[in-house]
C-alpha atoms as a PDB file:
ATOM      1  CA  PRO A   1    -155.914 -32.182 197.993  1.00  0.00           C
ATOM      2  CA  LEU A   2    -157.754 -34.065 200.570  1.00  0.00           C
ATOM      3  CA  HIS A   3    -158.636 -36.960 198.570  1.00  0.00           C
ATOM      4  CA  THR A   4    -154.824 -37.232 197.273  1.00  0.00           C
ATOM      5  CA  SER A   5    -153.763 -37.048 200.995  1.00  0.00           C
ATOM      6  CA  GLY A   6    -155.971 -39.667 201.741  1.00  0.00           C
ATOM      7  CA  ILE A   7    -154.627 -42.023 198.923  1.00  0.00           C
ATOM      8  CA  THR A   8    -151.304 -41.030 199.799  1.00  0.00           C
ATOM      9  CA  ALA A   9    -151.756 -42.573 203.562  1.00  0.00           C
ATOM     10  CA  CYS A  10    -152.848 -45.719 201.827  1.00  0.00           C
ATOM     11  CA  THR A  11    -150.180 -46.005 199.673  1.00  0.00           C
ATOM     12  CA  TYR A  12    -147.848 -45.479 202.126  1.00  0.00           C
ATOM     13  CA  HIS A  13    -149.080 -48.714 203.986  1.00  0.00           C
ATOM     14  CA  LEU A  14    -149.595 -50.765 200.856  1.00  0.00           C
ATOM     15  CA  PHE A  15    -145.927 -50.374 200.834  1.00  0.00           C
ATOM     16  CA  TYR A  16    -145.488 -51.353 204.268  1.00  0.00           C
ATOM     17  CA  ASN A  17    -144.252 -47.971 205.283  1.00  0.00           C
ATOM     18  CA  SER A  18    -141.097 -48.267 203.522  1.00  0.00           C
ATOM     19  CA  ILE A  19    -140.864 -45.126 201.508  1.00  0.00           C
ATOM     20  CA  ALA A  20    -140.722 -42.350 203.852  1.00  0.00           C
ATOM     21  CA  VAL A  21    -141.103 -39.541 201.611  1.00  0.00           C
ATOM     22  CA  LEU A  22    -144.805 -40.019 201.441  1.00  0.00           C
ATOM     23  CA  VAL A  23    -145.275 -38.939 204.933  1.00  0.00           C
ATOM     24  CA  PRO A  24    -144.318 -35.318 204.665  1.00  0.00           C
ATOM     25  CA  LEU A  25    -146.336 -35.705 200.831  1.00  0.00           C
ATOM     26  CA  GLN A  26    -149.294 -36.543 203.080  1.00  0.00           C
ATOM     27  CA  ALA A  27    -148.975 -33.756 205.662  1.00  0.00           C
ATOM     28  CA  ALA A  28    -148.684 -31.113 202.609  1.00  0.00           C
ATOM     29  CA  LEU A  29    -151.555 -32.238 201.179  1.00  0.00           C
ATOM     30  CA  THR A  30    -153.578 -32.631 204.245  1.00  0.00           C
ATOM     31  CA  PHE A  31    -152.611 -28.565 204.891  1.00  0.00           C
ATOM     32  CA  VAL A  32    -153.444 -27.384 201.471  1.00  0.00           C
ATOM     33  CA  GLY A  33    -156.527 -29.271 201.260  1.00  0.00           C
ATOM     34  CA  ASN A  34    -157.677 -27.854 204.938  1.00  0.00           C
ATOM     35  CA  VAL A  35    -156.770 -24.305 203.675  1.00  0.00           C
ATOM     36  CA  THR A  36    -158.732 -25.046 200.745  1.00  0.00           C
ATOM     37  CA  ALA A  37    -161.528 -26.322 202.433  1.00  0.00           C
ATOM     38  CA  MET A  38    -161.635 -23.293 204.690  1.00  0.00           C
ATOM     39  CA  VAL A  39    -161.648 -21.154 201.904  1.00  0.00           C
ATOM     40  CA  ALA A  40    -164.740 -22.699 200.236  1.00  0.00           C
ATOM     41  CA  ALA A  41    -166.719 -22.812 203.529  1.00  0.00           C
ATOM     42  CA  TYR A  42    -165.953 -19.208 203.912  1.00  0.00           C
ATOM     43  CA  ARG A  43    -167.259 -18.506 200.257  1.00  0.00           C
ATOM     44  CA  ILE A  44    -170.057 -20.341 200.706  1.00  0.00           C
ATOM     45  CA  ALA A  45    -170.969 -18.460 203.942  1.00  0.00           C
ATOM     46  CA  VAL A  46    -170.636 -15.198 202.258  1.00  0.00           C
ATOM     47  CA  SER A  47    -172.692 -16.020 199.553  1.00  0.00           C
ATOM     48  CA  ASN A  48    -175.599 -16.901 201.998  1.00  0.00           C
ATOM     49  CA  GLY A  49    -175.342 -13.500 203.873  1.00  0.00           C
ATOM     50  CA  TRP A  50    -173.071 -14.334 206.592  1.00  0.00           C
ATOM     51  CA  SER A  51    -170.739 -11.346 207.366  1.00  0.00           C
ATOM     52  CA  ALA A  52    -167.439 -11.684 209.203  1.00  0.00           C
ATOM     53  CA  PRO A  53    -166.957  -9.893 212.398  1.00  0.00           C
ATOM     54  CA  TRP A  54    -163.806  -8.532 211.925  1.00  0.00           C
ATOM     55  CA  GLY A  55    -165.020  -6.566 208.842  1.00  0.00           C
ATOM     56  CA  GLU A  56    -164.802  -6.450 205.192  1.00  0.00           C
ATOM     57  CA  GLU A  57    -161.032  -6.204 205.005  1.00  0.00           C
ATOM     58  CA  LEU A  58    -159.996  -9.519 203.589  1.00  0.00           C
ATOM     59  CA  PRO A  59    -157.253 -10.583 200.957  1.00  0.00           C
ATOM     60  CA  SER A  60    -158.518 -10.602 197.511  1.00  0.00           C
ATOM     61  CA  PHE A  61    -158.363 -14.606 197.118  1.00  0.00           C
ATOM     62  CA  LEU A  62    -160.922 -14.705 199.547  1.00  0.00           C
ATOM     63  CA  ASN A  63    -163.653 -12.200 198.152  1.00  0.00           C
ATOM     64  CA  GLY A  64    -162.545 -11.349 194.886  1.00  0.00           C
ATOM     65  CA  TRP A  65    -164.766 -14.057 193.257  1.00  0.00           C
ATOM     66  CA  GLU A  66    -168.185 -11.969 193.903  1.00  0.00           C
ATOM     67  CA  GLU A  67    -168.008 -10.028 190.921  1.00  0.00           C
ATOM     68  CA  ASP A  68    -169.018 -12.557 188.462  1.00  0.00           C
ATOM     69  CA  ALA A  69    -171.105 -14.397 190.819  1.00  0.00           C
ATOM     70  CA  ASP A  70    -174.231 -13.226 188.668  1.00  0.00           C
ATOM     71  CA  THR A  71    -172.934 -14.503 185.651  1.00  0.00           C
ATOM     72  CA  ASN A  72    -172.969 -18.075 186.711  1.00  0.00           C
ATOM     73  CA  ILE A  73    -176.175 -19.702 186.007  1.00  0.00           C
ATOM     74  CA  VAL A  74    -176.953 -23.077 187.475  1.00  0.00           C
ATOM     75  CA  GLU A  75    -179.350 -25.331 185.638  1.00  0.00           C
ATOM     76  CA  THR A  76    -181.434 -27.962 187.174  1.00  0.00           C
ATOM     77  CA  ARG A  77    -181.961 -31.068 185.728  1.00  0.00           C
ATOM     78  CA  GLU A  78    -183.474 -34.836 186.709  1.00  0.00           C
ATOM     79  CA  ASP A  79    -180.827 -36.914 187.923  1.00  0.00           C
ATOM     80  CA  SER A  80    -181.034 -40.773 186.193  1.00  0.00           C
ATOM     81  CA  GLN A  81    -181.756 -44.040 187.998  1.00  0.00           C
ATOM     82  CA  SER A  82    -178.722 -45.583 186.874  1.00  0.00           C
ATOM     83  CA  LEU A  83    -175.627 -45.705 189.042  1.00  0.00           C
ATOM     84  CA  VAL A  84    -172.948 -43.423 188.049  1.00  0.00           C
ATOM     85  CA  GLY A  85    -170.096 -44.166 190.151  1.00  0.00           C
ATOM     86  CA  PHE A  86    -169.360 -44.384 193.736  1.00  0.00           C
ATOM     87  CA  GLU A  87    -171.165 -41.152 194.698  1.00  0.00           C
ATOM     88  CA  ASP A  88    -174.329 -42.809 193.547  1.00  0.00           C
ATOM     89  CA  LEU A  89    -173.734 -45.735 195.959  1.00  0.00           C
ATOM     90  CA  GLY A  90    -175.732 -44.003 198.457  1.00  0.00           C
ATOM     91  CA  ASP A  91    -178.761 -43.658 196.404  1.00  0.00           C
ATOM     92  CA  ALA A  92    -178.676 -47.056 195.384  1.00  0.00           C
ATOM     93  CA  LEU A  93    -178.703 -48.579 199.218  1.00  0.00           C
ATOM     94  CA  ALA A  94    -181.069 -45.908 200.448  1.00  0.00           C
ATOM     95  CA  GLU A  95    -184.132 -48.396 199.746  1.00  0.00           C
ATOM     96  CA  ASP A  96    -182.479 -51.004 202.226  1.00  0.00           C
ATOM     97  CA  ASN A  97    -183.737 -51.628 205.180  1.00  0.00           C
ATOM     98  CA  ASP A  98    -181.337 -51.617 208.369  1.00  0.00           C
ATOM     99  CA  TYR A  99    -180.851 -55.662 208.032  1.00  0.00           C
ATOM    100  CA  THR A 100    -180.172 -55.577 204.362  1.00  0.00           C
ATOM    101  CA  PHE A 101    -177.706 -52.700 204.733  1.00  0.00           C
ATOM    102  CA  ILE A 102    -176.074 -54.494 207.523  1.00  0.00           C
ATOM    103  CA  VAL A 103    -175.669 -57.727 205.850  1.00  0.00           C
ATOM    104  CA  LYS A 104    -174.596 -55.973 202.530  1.00  0.00           C
ATOM    105  CA  LEU A 105    -171.719 -53.661 204.458  1.00  0.00           C
ATOM    106  CA  PHE A 106    -170.639 -56.734 206.131  1.00  0.00           C
ATOM    107  CA  ALA A 107    -170.230 -58.762 202.834  1.00  0.00           C
ATOM    108  CA  GLY A 108    -168.811 -55.922 200.931  1.00  0.00           C
ATOM    109  CA  CYS A 109    -166.130 -55.296 204.083  1.00  0.00           C
ATOM    110  CA  ALA A 110    -165.500 -58.994 204.315  1.00  0.00           C
ATOM    111  CA  VAL A 111    -164.892 -59.576 200.603  1.00  0.00           C
ATOM    112  CA  ALA A 112    -162.368 -56.355 200.313  1.00  0.00           C
ATOM    113  CA  SER A 113    -160.455 -57.601 203.178  1.00  0.00           C
ATOM    114  CA  TYR A 114    -159.927 -60.900 201.666  1.00  0.00           C
ATOM    115  CA  VAL A 115    -158.838 -59.570 198.376  1.00  0.00           C
ATOM    116  CA  VAL A 116    -156.358 -56.628 200.270  1.00  0.00           C
ATOM    117  CA  LYS A 117    -155.135 -59.274 202.374  1.00  0.00           C
ATOM    118  CA  TYR A 118    -154.457 -62.441 200.461  1.00  0.00           C
ATOM    119  CA  GLY A 119    -154.593 -60.229 197.002  1.00  0.00           C
ATOM    120  CA  GLU A 120    -151.196 -58.810 197.496  1.00  0.00           C
ATOM    121  CA  VAL A 121    -149.063 -61.663 197.793  1.00  0.00           C
ATOM    122  CA  TRP A 122    -149.735 -62.464 194.096  1.00  0.00           C
ATOM    123  CA  PHE A 123    -147.797 -59.642 193.231  1.00  0.00           C
ATOM    124  CA  ASP A 124    -144.410 -58.445 194.283  1.00  0.00           C
ATOM    125  CA  PHE A 125    -144.795 -54.151 194.300  1.00  0.00           C
ATOM    126  CA  PRO A 126    -145.979 -54.001 197.566  1.00  0.00           C
ATOM    127  CA  PHE A 127    -142.648 -55.671 199.198  1.00  0.00           C
ATOM    128  CA  GLN A 128    -140.335 -53.191 197.150  1.00  0.00           C
ATOM    129  CA  SER A 129    -139.615 -49.475 197.912  1.00  0.00           C
ATOM    130  CA  GLU A 130    -140.437 -48.380 194.574  1.00  0.00           C
ATOM    131  CA  LEU A 131    -141.007 -44.460 194.962  1.00  0.00           C
ATOM    132  CA  ASP A 132    -142.412 -44.380 190.910  1.00  0.00           C
ATOM    133  CA  ALA A 133    -145.129 -46.934 191.371  1.00  0.00           C
ATOM    134  CA  ALA A 134    -146.315 -45.198 194.633  1.00  0.00           C
ATOM    135  CA  LEU A 135    -146.434 -41.930 193.058  1.00  0.00           C
ATOM    136  CA  ALA A 136    -148.365 -43.505 190.297  1.00  0.00           C
ATOM    137  CA  PHE A 137    -150.774 -44.981 192.764  1.00  0.00           C
ATOM    138  CA  ILE A 138    -150.816 -41.487 193.957  1.00  0.00           C
ATOM    139  CA  PHE A 139    -151.465 -39.605 191.055  1.00  0.00           C
ATOM    140  CA  ILE A 140    -153.090 -41.038 188.565  1.00  0.00           C
ATOM    141  CA  PRO A 141    -156.403 -41.371 190.542  1.00  0.00           C
ATOM    142  CA  SER A 142    -155.869 -38.022 191.737  1.00  0.00           C
ATOM    143  CA  LEU A 143    -155.642 -36.795 188.343  1.00  0.00           C
ATOM    144  CA  LEU A 144    -158.694 -38.839 187.091  1.00  0.00           C
ATOM    145  CA  ASN A 145    -160.880 -37.381 189.948  1.00  0.00           C
ATOM    146  CA  ALA A 146    -159.874 -33.665 189.445  1.00  0.00           C
ATOM    147  CA  TYR A 147    -160.422 -34.395 185.456  1.00  0.00           C
ATOM    148  CA  LYS A 148    -163.974 -35.448 186.494  1.00  0.00           C
ATOM    149  CA  TRP A 149    -165.065 -32.754 188.088  1.00  0.00           C
ATOM    150  CA  LYS A 150    -163.346 -30.442 185.924  1.00  0.00           C
ATOM    151  CA  LYS A 151    -165.661 -32.071 183.299  1.00  0.00           C
ATOM    152  CA  ARG A 152    -168.818 -31.821 185.715  1.00  0.00           C
ATOM    153  CA  SER A 153    -168.167 -28.007 186.295  1.00  0.00           C
ATOM    154  CA  GLN A 154    -168.192 -27.165 182.442  1.00  0.00           C
ATOM    155  CA  ASP A 155    -170.841 -29.419 181.274  1.00  0.00           C
ATOM    156  CA  PRO A 156    -173.913 -29.790 183.753  1.00  0.00           C
ATOM    157  CA  THR A 157    -175.189 -32.980 181.937  1.00  0.00           C
ATOM    158  CA  PHE A 158    -172.155 -34.952 182.449  1.00  0.00           C
ATOM    159  CA  GLU A 159    -173.059 -37.849 184.952  1.00  0.00           C
ATOM    160  CA  GLY A 160    -169.749 -39.898 185.012  1.00  0.00           C
ATOM    161  CA  TRP A 161    -168.340 -42.611 183.154  1.00  0.00           C
ATOM    162  CA  PHE A 162    -169.432 -45.436 185.277  1.00  0.00           C
END
């Protein structure tokens, strides 16, 4: 939900703030994302031995997952050296010194800024308030991202498509 909330904000600005329904959509996605992040943080803390100061009386959705915790076996594997996606970009840049990293960062930002500023005039859709196009911009990447993480959770050897 938080990833989709960020995409919604970018889409809202891509269409020059003309599709007002995207603002409450982003607010709802941010709320749901923050709640799910809170639940995940709580579950991680409890799995590491933390106990809540208010006691053990919690809603079942917060602590009902512990029964099958022993059945999940995590396999360790050696990561490949090839780039998988944007998640591994940090690993690729980790060996750069500060000067090289700053130059690459500046060049990447300059190219991306130029493409965004002048590239959108080649297309008509940013200047039109089309809700269908905006929702496609939001939900297609979100669904692909959700599918990628679902596939990663089912197959520990899956590294991605790129």
